[in-house]
Amino acid sequence: MQITSPAFEHEGRIPAKFTCDGPNVCPPLEISGVPAEARSLVLIMDDPDVPKHLRADGMWDHWVVFNLAPTLTTIAEGQEPEGTRGVGTGGNLNYYGPCPPDREHRYFFKLYALDRMLDLKEKATKQQVEAAMQGHVLAQCTLMGKYERG
């Protein structure tokens, strides 16, 4: 399974238009190789480089969407995919782009193929989604981009 973006390369720089310094819309994403037996997909975007004085765990959850169709192959630029919205660290239900307060941060777009739908409601946290996924992940992949304000 693979997740890529025509807007930036894996480990490359995320363009400003997908950040708080631009329109703050989600980048286009392409998904391939989802296992045939998958029943749903989960997409999580997070930043593990947050200064510890701002968040003790050093993590900021930017985007959490679950119960996506396993047939999903593209997410268009600026379009929220059809699925159940989890809540980000900032209380957001939709994509919230990179906005690092101090230096270059890494942003991980993590995609999981599951053997079931998750029995969670809208506004579930990343931690609740990850707990519900335990034992149900068929495949996973990651796209990582970097951003530093400028």
C-alpha atoms as a PDB file:
ATOM      1  CA  MET A   1       0.000   0.000   0.000  1.00  0.00           C
ATOM      2  CA  GLN A   2       1.240   3.497  -0.747  1.00  0.00           C
ATOM      3  CA  ILE A   3       0.227   7.119  -0.113  1.00  0.00           C
ATOM      4  CA  THR A   4       1.838   9.855  -2.218  1.00  0.00           C
ATOM      5  CA  SER A   5       1.206  13.448  -3.212  1.00  0.00           C
ATOM      6  CA  PRO A   6       1.831  15.157  -6.545  1.00  0.00           C
ATOM      7  CA  ALA A   7       2.415  18.351  -4.505  1.00  0.00           C
ATOM      8  CA  PHE A   8       5.535  17.175  -2.641  1.00  0.00           C
ATOM      9  CA  GLU A   9       7.904  14.213  -2.464  1.00  0.00           C
ATOM     10  CA  HIS A  10       8.273  11.895   0.527  1.00  0.00           C
ATOM     11  CA  GLU A  11      10.593  13.706   2.963  1.00  0.00           C
ATOM     12  CA  GLY A  12      10.305  16.845   0.804  1.00  0.00           C
ATOM     13  CA  ARG A  13       9.042  20.337   1.609  1.00  0.00           C
ATOM     14  CA  ILE A  14       5.289  20.836   1.879  1.00  0.00           C
ATOM     15  CA  PRO A  15       4.301  23.878  -0.223  1.00  0.00           C
ATOM     16  CA  ALA A  16       3.061  26.896   1.772  1.00  0.00           C
ATOM     17  CA  LYS A  17      -0.422  26.739   0.225  1.00  0.00           C
ATOM     18  CA  PHE A  18      -1.090  23.640   2.357  1.00  0.00           C
ATOM     19  CA  THR A  19      -0.048  25.413   5.597  1.00  0.00           C
ATOM     20  CA  CYS A  20      -1.211  28.183   7.918  1.00  0.00           C
ATOM     21  CA  ASP A  21       0.952  30.542   5.834  1.00  0.00           C
ATOM     22  CA  GLY A  22      -1.302  29.945   2.809  1.00  0.00           C
ATOM     23  CA  PRO A  23      -4.918  28.957   2.151  1.00  0.00           C
ATOM     24  CA  ASN A  24      -4.416  25.999   4.555  1.00  0.00           C
ATOM     25  CA  VAL A  25      -6.077  23.449   2.269  1.00  0.00           C
ATOM     26  CA  CYS A  26      -5.219  19.762   2.240  1.00  0.00           C
ATOM     27  CA  PRO A  27      -2.708  18.638  -0.373  1.00  0.00           C
ATOM     28  CA  PRO A  28      -3.767  16.250  -3.101  1.00  0.00           C
ATOM     29  CA  LEU A  29      -3.132  12.667  -2.050  1.00  0.00           C
ATOM     30  CA  GLU A  30      -2.998   9.447  -4.059  1.00  0.00           C
ATOM     31  CA  ILE A  31      -3.589   5.999  -2.577  1.00  0.00           C
ATOM     32  CA  SER A  32      -2.673   2.693  -4.173  1.00  0.00           C
ATOM     33  CA  GLY A  33      -2.257  -0.959  -3.263  1.00  0.00           C
ATOM     34  CA  VAL A  34      -5.048  -1.182  -0.685  1.00  0.00           C
ATOM     35  CA  PRO A  35      -5.566  -4.859   0.222  1.00  0.00           C
ATOM     36  CA  ALA A  36      -8.676  -6.360  -1.406  1.00  0.00           C
ATOM     37  CA  GLU A  37      -9.958  -7.541   1.970  1.00  0.00           C
ATOM     38  CA  ALA A  38      -9.858  -4.024   3.504  1.00  0.00           C
ATOM     39  CA  ARG A  39     -13.195  -2.778   4.847  1.00  0.00           C
ATOM     40  CA  SER A  40     -12.112   0.790   5.699  1.00  0.00           C
ATOM     41  CA  LEU A  41      -9.201   3.216   5.683  1.00  0.00           C
ATOM     42  CA  VAL A  42      -7.921   5.586   8.371  1.00  0.00           C
ATOM     43  CA  LEU A  43      -5.942   8.741   7.607  1.00  0.00           C
ATOM     44  CA  ILE A  44      -4.018  10.507  10.356  1.00  0.00           C
ATOM     45  CA  MET A  45      -1.716  13.498   9.901  1.00  0.00           C
ATOM     46  CA  ASP A  46       0.420  14.455  12.876  1.00  0.00           C
ATOM     47  CA  ASP A  47       3.516  16.405  13.865  1.00  0.00           C
ATOM     48  CA  PRO A  48       5.832  14.773  16.447  1.00  0.00           C
ATOM     49  CA  ASP A  49       8.194  17.773  16.628  1.00  0.00           C
ATOM     50  CA  VAL A  50       6.172  20.136  18.841  1.00  0.00           C
ATOM     51  CA  PRO A  51       8.270  21.821  21.567  1.00  0.00           C
ATOM     52  CA  LYS A  52       7.763  20.041  24.895  1.00  0.00           C
ATOM     53  CA  HIS A  53       6.996  23.346  26.648  1.00  0.00           C
ATOM     54  CA  LEU A  54       3.926  23.669  24.374  1.00  0.00           C
ATOM     55  CA  ARG A  55       2.810  20.010  24.533  1.00  0.00           C
ATOM     56  CA  ALA A  56       4.354  17.564  26.965  1.00  0.00           C
ATOM     57  CA  ASP A  57       3.961  14.678  24.509  1.00  0.00           C
ATOM     58  CA  GLY A  58       5.557  16.677  21.677  1.00  0.00           C
ATOM     59  CA  MET A  59       2.691  15.715  19.328  1.00  0.00           C
ATOM     60  CA  TRP A  60       0.112  17.753  17.411  1.00  0.00           C
ATOM     61  CA  ASP A  61      -2.697  15.950  15.585  1.00  0.00           C
ATOM     62  CA  HIS A  62      -3.590  17.870  12.416  1.00  0.00           C
ATOM     63  CA  TRP A  63      -6.087  15.606  10.675  1.00  0.00           C
ATOM     64  CA  VAL A  64      -7.958  12.478  11.743  1.00  0.00           C
ATOM     65  CA  VAL A  65     -10.433  10.805   9.357  1.00  0.00           C
ATOM     66  CA  PHE A  66     -11.649   7.226   9.698  1.00  0.00           C
ATOM     67  CA  ASN A  67     -14.143   4.871   8.063  1.00  0.00           C
ATOM     68  CA  LEU A  68     -12.951   6.006   4.643  1.00  0.00           C
ATOM     69  CA  ALA A  69     -13.972   3.753   1.758  1.00  0.00           C
ATOM     70  CA  PRO A  70     -11.304   1.140   0.938  1.00  0.00           C
ATOM     71  CA  THR A  71     -11.838   2.009  -2.742  1.00  0.00           C
ATOM     72  CA  LEU A  72     -10.561   5.574  -2.179  1.00  0.00           C
ATOM     73  CA  THR A  73      -7.682   6.293  -4.575  1.00  0.00           C
ATOM     74  CA  THR A  74      -7.438  10.090  -4.513  1.00  0.00           C
ATOM     75  CA  ILE A  75      -8.132  12.995  -2.213  1.00  0.00           C
ATOM     76  CA  ALA A  76      -8.333  16.160  -4.289  1.00  0.00           C
ATOM     77  CA  GLU A  77      -6.530  19.307  -3.217  1.00  0.00           C
ATOM     78  CA  GLY A  78      -8.670  21.203  -0.732  1.00  0.00           C
ATOM     79  CA  GLN A  79     -11.341  18.479  -0.556  1.00  0.00           C
ATOM     80  CA  GLU A  80     -12.187  16.626   2.627  1.00  0.00           C
ATOM     81  CA  PRO A  81     -12.652  12.902   1.931  1.00  0.00           C
ATOM     82  CA  GLU A  82     -15.936  11.121   2.691  1.00  0.00           C
ATOM     83  CA  GLY A  83     -15.497   9.535   6.094  1.00  0.00           C
ATOM     84  CA  THR A  84     -15.972  10.121   9.801  1.00  0.00           C
ATOM     85  CA  ARG A  85     -14.059  13.086  11.178  1.00  0.00           C
ATOM     86  CA  GLY A  86     -11.939  12.737  14.261  1.00  0.00           C
ATOM     87  CA  VAL A  87     -10.851  15.758  16.260  1.00  0.00           C
ATOM     88  CA  GLY A  88      -7.389  17.300  16.001  1.00  0.00           C
ATOM     89  CA  THR A  89      -5.364  18.743  18.851  1.00  0.00           C
ATOM     90  CA  GLY A  90      -6.673  22.226  18.045  1.00  0.00           C
ATOM     91  CA  GLY A  91     -10.304  21.062  18.125  1.00  0.00           C
ATOM     92  CA  ASN A  92     -10.486  20.948  14.315  1.00  0.00           C
ATOM     93  CA  LEU A  93     -12.603  18.369  12.492  1.00  0.00           C
ATOM     94  CA  ASN A  94     -11.098  19.127   9.080  1.00  0.00           C
ATOM     95  CA  TYR A  95      -7.547  19.356   7.774  1.00  0.00           C
ATOM     96  CA  TYR A  96      -5.338  21.865   9.574  1.00  0.00           C
ATOM     97  CA  GLY A  97      -2.008  22.341   7.866  1.00  0.00           C
ATOM     98  CA  PRO A  98       1.515  22.748   9.160  1.00  0.00           C
ATOM     99  CA  CYS A  99       2.138  25.794  11.339  1.00  0.00           C
ATOM    100  CA  PRO A 100       5.386  25.127  13.235  1.00  0.00           C
ATOM    101  CA  PRO A 101       6.114  27.697  15.953  1.00  0.00           C
ATOM    102  CA  ASP A 102       9.886  27.385  16.019  1.00  0.00           C
ATOM    103  CA  ARG A 103      11.773  25.477  13.305  1.00  0.00           C
ATOM    104  CA  GLU A 104      11.329  22.827  10.616  1.00  0.00           C
ATOM    105  CA  HIS A 105       8.870  20.126  11.635  1.00  0.00           C
ATOM    106  CA  ARG A 106       8.007  16.768  10.103  1.00  0.00           C
ATOM    107  CA  TYR A 107       4.406  15.998   9.164  1.00  0.00           C
ATOM    108  CA  PHE A 108       3.339  12.374   8.818  1.00  0.00           C
ATOM    109  CA  PHE A 109       0.351  11.416   6.657  1.00  0.00           C
ATOM    110  CA  LYS A 110      -0.357   7.895   7.920  1.00  0.00           C
ATOM    111  CA  LEU A 111      -2.750   5.626   6.092  1.00  0.00           C
ATOM    112  CA  TYR A 112      -4.083   2.382   7.528  1.00  0.00           C
ATOM    113  CA  ALA A 113      -6.178  -0.322   5.849  1.00  0.00           C
ATOM    114  CA  LEU A 114      -8.447  -2.089   8.329  1.00  0.00           C
ATOM    115  CA  ASP A 115     -10.423  -5.311   8.239  1.00  0.00           C
ATOM    116  CA  ARG A 116     -13.482  -3.527   9.657  1.00  0.00           C
ATOM    117  CA  MET A 117     -15.218  -0.188  10.105  1.00  0.00           C
ATOM    118  CA  LEU A 118     -14.562   1.547  13.419  1.00  0.00           C
ATOM    119  CA  ASP A 119     -17.466   1.852  15.836  1.00  0.00           C
ATOM    120  CA  LEU A 120     -16.591   5.397  16.859  1.00  0.00           C
ATOM    121  CA  LYS A 121     -18.475   8.671  16.614  1.00  0.00           C
ATOM    122  CA  GLU A 122     -17.415  11.910  14.975  1.00  0.00           C
ATOM    123  CA  LYS A 123     -14.938  13.852  17.150  1.00  0.00           C
ATOM    124  CA  ALA A 124     -13.111  10.708  18.280  1.00  0.00           C
ATOM    125  CA  THR A 125      -9.511  11.521  19.208  1.00  0.00           C
ATOM    126  CA  LYS A 126      -6.473  10.062  17.479  1.00  0.00           C
ATOM    127  CA  GLN A 127      -5.840   8.001  20.616  1.00  0.00           C
ATOM    128  CA  GLN A 128      -9.376   6.548  20.494  1.00  0.00           C
ATOM    129  CA  VAL A 129      -9.008   5.756  16.779  1.00  0.00           C
ATOM    130  CA  GLU A 130      -5.615   4.102  17.310  1.00  0.00           C
ATOM    131  CA  ALA A 131      -6.988   2.038  20.204  1.00  0.00           C
ATOM    132  CA  ALA A 132      -9.971   0.885  18.110  1.00  0.00           C
ATOM    133  CA  MET A 133      -7.627  -0.094  15.248  1.00  0.00           C
ATOM    134  CA  GLN A 134      -5.599  -2.497  17.401  1.00  0.00           C
ATOM    135  CA  GLY A 135      -5.611  -5.960  15.885  1.00  0.00           C
ATOM    136  CA  HIS A 136      -7.423  -4.795  12.740  1.00  0.00           C
ATOM    137  CA  VAL A 137      -4.623  -3.240  10.636  1.00  0.00           C
ATOM    138  CA  LEU A 138      -4.071  -5.119   7.367  1.00  0.00           C
ATOM    139  CA  ALA A 139      -1.551  -2.671   5.910  1.00  0.00           C
ATOM    140  CA  GLN A 140      -0.122   0.766   6.611  1.00  0.00           C
ATOM    141  CA  CYS A 141       2.024   3.356   4.887  1.00  0.00           C
ATOM    142  CA  THR A 142       3.329   6.855   5.487  1.00  0.00           C
ATOM    143  CA  LEU A 143       4.052  10.006   3.517  1.00  0.00           C
ATOM    144  CA  MET A 144       6.246  12.475   5.375  1.00  0.00           C
ATOM    145  CA  GLY A 145       6.679  16.120   4.449  1.00  0.00           C
ATOM    146  CA  LYS A 146       8.606  18.914   6.126  1.00  0.00           C
ATOM    147  CA  TYR A 147       7.773  22.554   6.679  1.00  0.00           C
ATOM    148  CA  GLU A 148       9.503  25.547   8.239  1.00  0.00           C
ATOM    149  CA  ARG A 149       7.902  28.959   8.360  1.00  0.00           C
ATOM    150  CA  GLY A 150       9.706  31.573   6.650  1.00  0.00           C
END
